[in-house]
Amino acid sequence: MTKPDEQALTDLFNVTVKALTEKIRAGKPTAGDIKNAIQLLKDNNINAEIKKADPFERLNEKLPFTAESD
């Protein structure tokens, strides 16, 4: 069996990502589509983390939230 070339693997990856992205954006993903997307991200060490510049952090800094006691 021959080893697949790098371009073929890259093309397959790109087609897979595009197909999953289109299904999710269309609002019609199946549970399997979501699972596959999560696994694809995980297998490729793609993750998200909250950073100081996160929009929610900036919103939190601007709004006058205070802790209330019971």
N, C-alpha and C. Protein backbone atom coordinates (compact mmCIF):
# COMPACT_ATOMS: atom_id res chain seq x y z
N MET A 1 0.84 -1.17 0.00
CA MET A 1 0.00 0.00 0.00
C MET A 1 0.88 1.24 0.00
N THR A 2 0.56 2.19 -0.86
CA THR A 2 1.38 3.40 -0.93
C THR A 2 0.91 4.42 0.10
N LYS A 3 1.83 5.25 0.51
CA LYS A 3 1.55 6.29 1.48
C LYS A 3 0.85 7.46 0.78
N PRO A 4 -0.26 7.96 1.33
CA PRO A 4 -0.95 9.08 0.68
C PRO A 4 -0.06 10.32 0.71
N ASP A 5 -0.15 11.11 -0.36
CA ASP A 5 0.69 12.30 -0.38
C ASP A 5 0.09 13.40 0.50
N GLU A 6 0.94 14.31 0.88
CA GLU A 6 0.55 15.37 1.82
C GLU A 6 -0.56 16.24 1.24
N GLN A 7 -0.52 16.53 -0.04
CA GLN A 7 -1.54 17.38 -0.65
C GLN A 7 -2.91 16.70 -0.61
N ALA A 8 -2.96 15.40 -0.83
CA ALA A 8 -4.23 14.68 -0.78
C ALA A 8 -4.82 14.73 0.63
N LEU A 9 -3.98 14.58 1.63
CA LEU A 9 -4.45 14.65 3.02
C LEU A 9 -4.92 16.06 3.37
N THR A 10 -4.19 17.05 2.90
CA THR A 10 -4.59 18.44 3.13
C THR A 10 -5.93 18.73 2.47
N ASP A 11 -6.11 18.27 1.25
CA ASP A 11 -7.37 18.47 0.54
C ASP A 11 -8.53 17.80 1.28
N LEU A 12 -8.31 16.57 1.73
CA LEU A 12 -9.35 15.85 2.46
C LEU A 12 -9.71 16.58 3.76
N PHE A 13 -8.71 17.05 4.47
CA PHE A 13 -8.94 17.80 5.70
C PHE A 13 -9.77 19.05 5.41
N ASN A 14 -9.38 19.80 4.38
CA ASN A 14 -10.08 21.04 4.05
C ASN A 14 -11.53 20.79 3.64
N VAL A 15 -11.77 19.75 2.86
CA VAL A 15 -13.13 19.41 2.44
C VAL A 15 -13.97 19.02 3.65
N THR A 16 -13.39 18.25 4.55
CA THR A 16 -14.10 17.82 5.75
C THR A 16 -14.46 19.01 6.64
N VAL A 17 -13.51 19.89 6.85
CA VAL A 17 -13.76 21.08 7.67
C VAL A 17 -14.85 21.94 7.03
N LYS A 18 -14.76 22.14 5.72
CA LYS A 18 -15.75 22.97 5.02
C LYS A 18 -17.15 22.35 5.13
N ALA A 19 -17.27 21.06 4.94
CA ALA A 19 -18.57 20.39 5.01
C ALA A 19 -19.18 20.50 6.42
N LEU A 20 -18.38 20.25 7.44
CA LEU A 20 -18.87 20.37 8.81
C LEU A 20 -19.26 21.80 9.14
N THR A 21 -18.44 22.75 8.72
CA THR A 21 -18.72 24.16 8.96
C THR A 21 -20.03 24.59 8.31
N GLU A 22 -20.25 24.17 7.08
CA GLU A 22 -21.48 24.53 6.37
C GLU A 22 -22.71 23.95 7.06
N LYS A 23 -22.63 22.71 7.51
CA LYS A 23 -23.77 22.11 8.22
C LYS A 23 -24.07 22.85 9.51
N ILE A 24 -23.04 23.17 10.25
CA ILE A 24 -23.24 23.85 11.53
C ILE A 24 -23.78 25.26 11.30
N ARG A 25 -23.22 26.00 10.36
CA ARG A 25 -23.71 27.36 10.06
C ARG A 25 -25.14 27.37 9.54
N ALA A 26 -25.53 26.33 8.83
CA ALA A 26 -26.89 26.24 8.30
C ALA A 26 -27.90 25.94 9.40
N GLY A 27 -27.40 25.61 10.58
CA GLY A 27 -28.28 25.33 11.70
C GLY A 27 -28.92 23.96 11.67
N LYS A 28 -28.35 23.06 10.88
CA LYS A 28 -28.92 21.72 10.76
C LYS A 28 -27.91 20.61 11.03
N PRO A 29 -27.02 20.80 12.00
CA PRO A 29 -26.07 19.71 12.26
C PRO A 29 -26.74 18.60 13.07
N THR A 30 -26.33 17.39 12.80
CA THR A 30 -26.78 16.26 13.62
C THR A 30 -25.86 16.17 14.83
N ALA A 31 -26.25 15.35 15.78
CA ALA A 31 -25.38 15.13 16.94
C ALA A 31 -24.04 14.56 16.47
N GLY A 32 -24.07 13.72 15.44
CA GLY A 32 -22.84 13.16 14.90
C GLY A 32 -21.95 14.22 14.27
N ASP A 33 -22.55 15.20 13.60
CA ASP A 33 -21.78 16.29 13.01
C ASP A 33 -21.05 17.08 14.10
N ILE A 34 -21.76 17.39 15.16
CA ILE A 34 -21.15 18.13 16.27
C ILE A 34 -20.03 17.32 16.90
N LYS A 35 -20.30 16.03 17.11
CA LYS A 35 -19.27 15.15 17.69
C LYS A 35 -18.03 15.10 16.79
N ASN A 36 -18.26 14.97 15.48
CA ASN A 36 -17.13 14.92 14.55
C ASN A 36 -16.35 16.23 14.54
N ALA A 37 -17.05 17.35 14.60
CA ALA A 37 -16.37 18.65 14.62
C ALA A 37 -15.52 18.80 15.87
N ILE A 38 -16.09 18.42 17.00
CA ILE A 38 -15.35 18.50 18.26
C ILE A 38 -14.12 17.59 18.22
N GLN A 39 -14.30 16.39 17.71
CA GLN A 39 -13.18 15.45 17.63
C GLN A 39 -12.10 15.95 16.68
N LEU A 40 -12.51 16.53 15.56
CA LEU A 40 -11.56 17.08 14.60
C LEU A 40 -10.72 18.18 15.24
N LEU A 41 -11.38 19.06 15.99
CA LEU A 41 -10.66 20.13 16.68
C LEU A 41 -9.71 19.55 17.73
N LYS A 42 -10.22 18.61 18.50
CA LYS A 42 -9.41 17.99 19.56
C LYS A 42 -8.20 17.26 18.98
N ASP A 43 -8.41 16.49 17.91
CA ASP A 43 -7.32 15.73 17.30
C ASP A 43 -6.23 16.62 16.72
N ASN A 44 -6.59 17.85 16.39
CA ASN A 44 -5.63 18.77 15.80
C ASN A 44 -5.17 19.85 16.79
N ASN A 45 -5.41 19.57 18.08
CA ASN A 45 -4.98 20.47 19.15
C ASN A 45 -5.47 21.90 18.96
N ILE A 46 -6.71 22.03 18.53
CA ILE A 46 -7.31 23.35 18.36
C ILE A 46 -8.26 23.55 19.53
N ASN A 47 -8.02 24.61 20.31
CA ASN A 47 -8.88 24.87 21.45
C ASN A 47 -9.09 26.37 21.62
N ALA A 48 -9.99 26.70 22.47
CA ALA A 48 -10.29 28.11 22.75
C ALA A 48 -10.13 28.32 24.25
N GLU A 49 -9.63 29.46 24.58
CA GLU A 49 -9.50 29.80 25.98
C GLU A 49 -9.85 31.27 26.16
N ILE A 50 -10.35 31.61 27.31
CA ILE A 50 -10.72 32.99 27.59
C ILE A 50 -9.45 33.76 27.93
N LYS A 51 -9.31 34.88 27.28
CA LYS A 51 -8.16 35.75 27.53
C LYS A 51 -8.66 37.09 28.02
N LYS A 52 -7.78 37.87 28.55
CA LYS A 52 -8.14 39.17 29.11
C LYS A 52 -8.85 40.04 28.07
N ALA A 53 -8.51 39.92 26.81
CA ALA A 53 -9.10 40.76 25.77
C ALA A 53 -10.43 40.20 25.26
N ASP A 54 -10.92 39.14 25.89
CA ASP A 54 -12.19 38.54 25.49
C ASP A 54 -13.31 39.58 25.58
N PRO A 55 -14.25 39.61 24.62
CA PRO A 55 -15.33 40.60 24.66
C PRO A 55 -16.14 40.57 25.96
N PHE A 56 -16.34 39.39 26.55
CA PHE A 56 -17.06 39.32 27.81
C PHE A 56 -16.28 39.96 28.95
N GLU A 57 -14.98 39.82 28.91
CA GLU A 57 -14.15 40.44 29.93
C GLU A 57 -14.23 41.96 29.81
N ARG A 58 -14.18 42.48 28.58
CA ARG A 58 -14.29 43.93 28.39
C ARG A 58 -15.66 44.43 28.85
N LEU A 59 -16.71 43.67 28.55
CA LEU A 59 -18.05 44.04 28.99
C LEU A 59 -18.12 44.06 30.51
N ASN A 60 -17.55 43.06 31.13
CA ASN A 60 -17.55 42.98 32.58
C ASN A 60 -16.83 44.18 33.20
N GLU A 61 -15.77 44.64 32.57
CA GLU A 61 -15.04 45.79 33.08
C GLU A 61 -15.84 47.08 32.97
N LYS A 62 -16.71 47.19 31.96
CA LYS A 62 -17.47 48.41 31.72
C LYS A 62 -18.76 48.50 32.52
N LEU A 63 -19.36 47.36 32.84
CA LEU A 63 -20.63 47.37 33.55
C LEU A 63 -20.40 47.39 35.06
N PRO A 64 -21.25 48.11 35.76
CA PRO A 64 -21.07 48.24 37.21
C PRO A 64 -21.67 47.08 38.00
N PHE A 65 -21.15 45.89 37.80
CA PHE A 65 -21.64 44.75 38.58
C PHE A 65 -21.06 44.78 39.98
N THR A 66 -21.91 44.50 40.95
CA THR A 66 -21.43 44.39 42.31
C THR A 66 -22.02 43.13 42.92
N ALA A 67 -21.33 42.55 43.84
CA ALA A 67 -21.82 41.36 44.52
C ALA A 67 -22.84 41.79 45.57
N GLU A 68 -23.98 41.13 45.58
CA GLU A 68 -25.01 41.42 46.57
C GLU A 68 -25.06 40.30 47.59
N SER A 69 -25.20 40.67 48.85
CA SER A 69 -25.31 39.63 49.87
C SER A 69 -26.77 39.25 50.04
N ASP A 70 -27.01 38.02 50.49
CA ASP A 70 -28.38 37.51 50.64
C ASP A 70 -29.12 38.18 51.77
